[in-house]
Amino acid sequence: MTIKHATPIGFSRAIYRLHDSVVGWTTALPLSIVQLASRVAVAEVFWQSAQTKLASWPVTLQLFAFEYRVPLLDPGLAAVMATVAELSGAAMLGLGLLARLASLMLLAVVSIIQIFVYPDHWVEHLMWTSLLLLILSRGAGVFSVDHLVSRRIGAGG
């Protein structure tokens, strides 16, 4: 004999109401807050990475020569390119200045890291890529220099 436990109808309705209120609350969250959080999160990762490279340039050159080994590029040139891309991309992203261009630049950096340097770290790279794709596809949001410039241009001056 099987015993069935009936779920009270009132409990089911309460769960649906809770779900609907959570959905209502989350859809009220402005996209610009999500864009700002995404920009700051990714900018911080790349800013810190660039600061580490700059803190000990000889060690950075050794890393690019012996561990990172980006094909077709001289290790010294690759180190400079990576550092400049990380510094400028992080600063631009953090400020929301030409954020779509910064996202493209950092997506290229992430791709190179994923393909040539640390292919086993794909989960972390996928997280960065997701946040960068959000900025690339939706822009920097209201809390950005890009938004201020577009408002200024739209206002005719």
C-alpha atoms as a PDB file:
ATOM      1  CA  MET A   1       0.000   0.000   0.000  1.00  0.00           C
ATOM      2  CA  THR A   2       1.385   3.391  -1.022  1.00  0.00           C
ATOM      3  CA  ILE A   3       0.808   6.405   1.141  1.00  0.00           C
ATOM      4  CA  LYS A   4       0.409   9.660  -0.737  1.00  0.00           C
ATOM      5  CA  HIS A   5       1.174  12.894   0.984  1.00  0.00           C
ATOM      6  CA  ALA A   6      -1.105  15.547  -0.346  1.00  0.00           C
ATOM      7  CA  THR A   7       0.314  19.014  -0.674  1.00  0.00           C
ATOM      8  CA  PRO A   8      -2.135  21.551   0.645  1.00  0.00           C
ATOM      9  CA  ILE A   9      -3.373  23.872  -2.094  1.00  0.00           C
ATOM     10  CA  GLY A  10      -2.677  26.870   0.130  1.00  0.00           C
ATOM     11  CA  PHE A  11       1.000  25.866   0.389  1.00  0.00           C
ATOM     12  CA  SER A  12       1.317  25.656  -3.425  1.00  0.00           C
ATOM     13  CA  ARG A  13      -0.245  29.073  -3.823  1.00  0.00           C
ATOM     14  CA  ALA A  14       2.123  30.491  -1.221  1.00  0.00           C
ATOM     15  CA  ILE A  15       5.111  29.104  -3.135  1.00  0.00           C
ATOM     16  CA  TYR A  16       3.823  30.649  -6.378  1.00  0.00           C
ATOM     17  CA  ARG A  17       3.266  33.998  -4.669  1.00  0.00           C
ATOM     18  CA  LEU A  18       6.775  33.880  -3.194  1.00  0.00           C
ATOM     19  CA  HIS A  19       8.199  33.046  -6.621  1.00  0.00           C
ATOM     20  CA  ASP A  20       6.249  35.869  -8.256  1.00  0.00           C
ATOM     21  CA  SER A  21       7.400  38.387  -5.656  1.00  0.00           C
ATOM     22  CA  VAL A  22      11.050  37.338  -6.066  1.00  0.00           C
ATOM     23  CA  VAL A  23      10.732  37.598  -9.854  1.00  0.00           C
ATOM     24  CA  GLY A  24       9.069  40.996  -9.495  1.00  0.00           C
ATOM     25  CA  TRP A  25      11.816  42.240  -7.205  1.00  0.00           C
ATOM     26  CA  THR A  26      14.646  40.983  -9.426  1.00  0.00           C
ATOM     27  CA  THR A  27      13.151  42.423 -12.613  1.00  0.00           C
ATOM     28  CA  ALA A  28      12.962  45.787 -10.852  1.00  0.00           C
ATOM     29  CA  LEU A  29      16.753  45.772 -10.448  1.00  0.00           C
ATOM     30  CA  PRO A  30      18.088  48.288 -12.972  1.00  0.00           C
ATOM     31  CA  LEU A  31      20.299  46.802 -15.683  1.00  0.00           C
ATOM     32  CA  SER A  32      22.755  49.642 -15.115  1.00  0.00           C
ATOM     33  CA  ILE A  33      23.530  48.254 -11.633  1.00  0.00           C
ATOM     34  CA  VAL A  34      24.334  44.874 -13.191  1.00  0.00           C
ATOM     35  CA  GLN A  35      26.444  46.574 -15.862  1.00  0.00           C
ATOM     36  CA  LEU A  36      28.339  48.595 -13.250  1.00  0.00           C
ATOM     37  CA  ALA A  37      28.996  45.516 -11.114  1.00  0.00           C
ATOM     38  CA  SER A  38      30.174  43.590 -14.184  1.00  0.00           C
ATOM     39  CA  ARG A  39      32.501  46.385 -15.252  1.00  0.00           C
ATOM     40  CA  VAL A  40      34.014  46.798 -11.792  1.00  0.00           C
ATOM     41  CA  ALA A  41      34.467  43.047 -11.265  1.00  0.00           C
ATOM     42  CA  VAL A  42      36.297  42.455 -14.532  1.00  0.00           C
ATOM     43  CA  ALA A  43      38.244  45.717 -14.324  1.00  0.00           C
ATOM     44  CA  GLU A  44      39.554  44.758 -10.890  1.00  0.00           C
ATOM     45  CA  VAL A  45      40.809  41.374 -12.109  1.00  0.00           C
ATOM     46  CA  PHE A  46      42.750  42.866 -15.007  1.00  0.00           C
ATOM     47  CA  TRP A  47      43.964  45.920 -13.060  1.00  0.00           C
ATOM     48  CA  GLN A  48      45.449  43.664 -10.373  1.00  0.00           C
ATOM     49  CA  SER A  49      47.011  41.417 -12.995  1.00  0.00           C
ATOM     50  CA  ALA A  50      48.697  44.404 -14.647  1.00  0.00           C
ATOM     51  CA  GLN A  51      49.881  45.739 -11.277  1.00  0.00           C
ATOM     52  CA  THR A  52      51.485  42.373 -10.542  1.00  0.00           C
ATOM     53  CA  LYS A  53      53.290  42.466 -13.889  1.00  0.00           C
ATOM     54  CA  LEU A  54      54.549  45.998 -13.251  1.00  0.00           C
ATOM     55  CA  ALA A  55      55.661  45.227  -9.677  1.00  0.00           C
ATOM     56  CA  SER A  56      58.414  42.969 -10.945  1.00  0.00           C
ATOM     57  CA  TRP A  57      59.074  43.441 -14.629  1.00  0.00           C
ATOM     58  CA  PRO A  58      62.034  41.002 -14.774  1.00  0.00           C
ATOM     59  CA  VAL A  59      59.838  38.248 -13.336  1.00  0.00           C
ATOM     60  CA  THR A  60      57.095  39.156 -15.815  1.00  0.00           C
ATOM     61  CA  LEU A  61      59.533  38.801 -18.715  1.00  0.00           C
ATOM     62  CA  GLN A  62      60.614  35.398 -17.403  1.00  0.00           C
ATOM     63  CA  LEU A  63      56.995  34.278 -17.097  1.00  0.00           C
ATOM     64  CA  PHE A  64      56.282  35.270 -20.693  1.00  0.00           C
ATOM     65  CA  ALA A  65      59.484  33.573 -21.862  1.00  0.00           C
ATOM     66  CA  PHE A  66      59.090  30.282 -20.025  1.00  0.00           C
ATOM     67  CA  GLU A  67      55.520  29.764 -18.821  1.00  0.00           C
ATOM     68  CA  TYR A  68      53.070  31.824 -20.877  1.00  0.00           C
ATOM     69  CA  ARG A  69      54.711  31.244 -24.282  1.00  0.00           C
ATOM     70  CA  VAL A  70      52.319  32.990 -26.644  1.00  0.00           C
ATOM     71  CA  PRO A  71      53.190  31.701 -30.126  1.00  0.00           C
ATOM     72  CA  LEU A  72      54.490  34.023 -32.857  1.00  0.00           C
ATOM     73  CA  LEU A  73      55.244  36.824 -30.398  1.00  0.00           C
ATOM     74  CA  ASP A  74      58.537  37.730 -28.782  1.00  0.00           C
ATOM     75  CA  PRO A  75      58.084  37.261 -25.011  1.00  0.00           C
ATOM     76  CA  GLY A  76      59.105  40.862 -24.307  1.00  0.00           C
ATOM     77  CA  LEU A  77      56.599  42.204 -26.830  1.00  0.00           C
ATOM     78  CA  ALA A  78      53.877  39.873 -25.520  1.00  0.00           C
ATOM     79  CA  ALA A  79      54.530  41.080 -21.951  1.00  0.00           C
ATOM     80  CA  VAL A  80      54.248  44.735 -22.979  1.00  0.00           C
ATOM     81  CA  MET A  81      51.126  44.108 -25.052  1.00  0.00           C
ATOM     82  CA  ALA A  82      49.424  42.162 -22.268  1.00  0.00           C
ATOM     83  CA  THR A  83      50.270  44.763 -19.636  1.00  0.00           C
ATOM     84  CA  VAL A  84      49.096  47.678 -21.771  1.00  0.00           C
ATOM     85  CA  ALA A  85      45.888  45.838 -22.709  1.00  0.00           C
ATOM     86  CA  GLU A  86      45.170  44.964 -19.077  1.00  0.00           C
ATOM     87  CA  LEU A  87      45.904  48.462 -17.741  1.00  0.00           C
ATOM     88  CA  SER A  88      44.064  50.391 -20.412  1.00  0.00           C
ATOM     89  CA  GLY A  89      41.208  47.900 -20.691  1.00  0.00           C
ATOM     90  CA  ALA A  90      40.680  47.857 -16.922  1.00  0.00           C
ATOM     91  CA  ALA A  91      40.764  51.652 -16.657  1.00  0.00           C
ATOM     92  CA  MET A  92      38.409  52.116 -19.604  1.00  0.00           C
ATOM     93  CA  LEU A  93      36.034  49.454 -18.311  1.00  0.00           C
ATOM     94  CA  GLY A  94      36.061  50.806 -14.770  1.00  0.00           C
ATOM     95  CA  LEU A  95      35.194  54.294 -15.969  1.00  0.00           C
ATOM     96  CA  GLY A  96      32.805  53.076 -18.619  1.00  0.00           C
ATOM     97  CA  LEU A  97      34.846  54.924 -21.242  1.00  0.00           C
ATOM     98  CA  LEU A  98      34.613  53.261 -24.662  1.00  0.00           C
ATOM     99  CA  ALA A  99      33.478  50.238 -22.678  1.00  0.00           C
ATOM    100  CA  ARG A 100      32.532  48.171 -25.724  1.00  0.00           C
ATOM    101  CA  LEU A 101      36.003  48.650 -27.196  1.00  0.00           C
ATOM    102  CA  ALA A 102      37.568  47.794 -23.815  1.00  0.00           C
ATOM    103  CA  SER A 103      35.406  44.666 -23.651  1.00  0.00           C
ATOM    104  CA  LEU A 104      36.602  43.558 -27.081  1.00  0.00           C
ATOM    105  CA  MET A 105      40.204  44.163 -26.104  1.00  0.00           C
ATOM    106  CA  LEU A 106      39.872  42.203 -22.860  1.00  0.00           C
ATOM    107  CA  LEU A 107      37.949  39.428 -24.628  1.00  0.00           C
ATOM    108  CA  ALA A 108      40.991  39.056 -26.880  1.00  0.00           C
ATOM    109  CA  VAL A 109      43.237  38.857 -23.801  1.00  0.00           C
ATOM    110  CA  VAL A 110      40.975  36.237 -22.204  1.00  0.00           C
ATOM    111  CA  SER A 111      40.950  34.233 -25.443  1.00  0.00           C
ATOM    112  CA  ILE A 112      44.733  34.207 -25.623  1.00  0.00           C
ATOM    113  CA  ILE A 113      44.989  33.191 -21.970  1.00  0.00           C
ATOM    114  CA  GLN A 114      42.435  30.421 -22.465  1.00  0.00           C
ATOM    115  CA  ILE A 115      43.911  29.032 -25.685  1.00  0.00           C
ATOM    116  CA  PHE A 116      47.643  29.367 -25.086  1.00  0.00           C
ATOM    117  CA  VAL A 117      48.377  29.893 -21.408  1.00  0.00           C
ATOM    118  CA  TYR A 118      45.874  28.283 -19.010  1.00  0.00           C
ATOM    119  CA  PRO A 119      43.387  26.135 -20.954  1.00  0.00           C
ATOM    120  CA  ASP A 120      42.402  24.270 -17.786  1.00  0.00           C
ATOM    121  CA  HIS A 121      41.034  27.469 -16.199  1.00  0.00           C
ATOM    122  CA  TRP A 122      38.070  27.641 -18.568  1.00  0.00           C
ATOM    123  CA  VAL A 123      35.473  28.163 -15.808  1.00  0.00           C
ATOM    124  CA  GLU A 124      37.133  31.365 -14.614  1.00  0.00           C
ATOM    125  CA  HIS A 125      37.639  32.523 -18.194  1.00  0.00           C
ATOM    126  CA  LEU A 126      34.008  31.772 -19.001  1.00  0.00           C
ATOM    127  CA  MET A 127      32.929  33.960 -16.087  1.00  0.00           C
ATOM    128  CA  TRP A 128      35.051  36.876 -17.329  1.00  0.00           C
ATOM    129  CA  THR A 129      33.813  36.291 -20.873  1.00  0.00           C
ATOM    130  CA  SER A 130      30.184  36.335 -19.743  1.00  0.00           C
ATOM    131  CA  LEU A 131      30.601  39.665 -17.979  1.00  0.00           C
ATOM    132  CA  LEU A 132      32.518  41.144 -20.913  1.00  0.00           C
ATOM    133  CA  LEU A 133      29.861  39.933 -23.355  1.00  0.00           C
ATOM    134  CA  LEU A 134      27.213  41.676 -21.253  1.00  0.00           C
ATOM    135  CA  ILE A 135      29.106  44.973 -21.567  1.00  0.00           C
ATOM    136  CA  LEU A 136      29.828  44.384 -25.242  1.00  0.00           C
ATOM    137  CA  SER A 137      26.192  43.668 -26.051  1.00  0.00           C
ATOM    138  CA  ARG A 138      24.424  46.116 -23.702  1.00  0.00           C
ATOM    139  CA  GLY A 139      27.002  48.851 -23.174  1.00  0.00           C
ATOM    140  CA  ALA A 140      28.391  50.384 -20.014  1.00  0.00           C
ATOM    141  CA  GLY A 141      25.078  51.537 -18.531  1.00  0.00           C
ATOM    142  CA  VAL A 142      23.936  54.773 -16.972  1.00  0.00           C
ATOM    143  CA  PHE A 143      26.833  54.992 -14.497  1.00  0.00           C
ATOM    144  CA  SER A 144      29.523  55.533 -17.112  1.00  0.00           C
ATOM    145  CA  VAL A 145      31.439  58.116 -19.076  1.00  0.00           C
ATOM    146  CA  ASP A 146      29.939  56.581 -22.237  1.00  0.00           C
ATOM    147  CA  HIS A 147      26.451  57.471 -21.010  1.00  0.00           C
ATOM    148  CA  LEU A 148      27.475  61.030 -20.098  1.00  0.00           C
ATOM    149  CA  VAL A 149      29.038  61.541 -23.521  1.00  0.00           C
ATOM    150  CA  SER A 150      26.037  60.119 -25.364  1.00  0.00           C
ATOM    151  CA  ARG A 151      23.693  62.396 -23.360  1.00  0.00           C
ATOM    152  CA  ARG A 152      25.899  65.377 -24.133  1.00  0.00           C
ATOM    153  CA  ILE A 153      26.005  64.547 -27.843  1.00  0.00           C
ATOM    154  CA  GLY A 154      22.259  63.829 -27.857  1.00  0.00           C
ATOM    155  CA  ALA A 155      21.611  67.207 -26.243  1.00  0.00           C
ATOM    156  CA  GLY A 156      23.410  68.896 -29.113  1.00  0.00           C
ATOM    157  CA  GLY A 157      26.535  69.961 -27.428  1.00  0.00           C
END
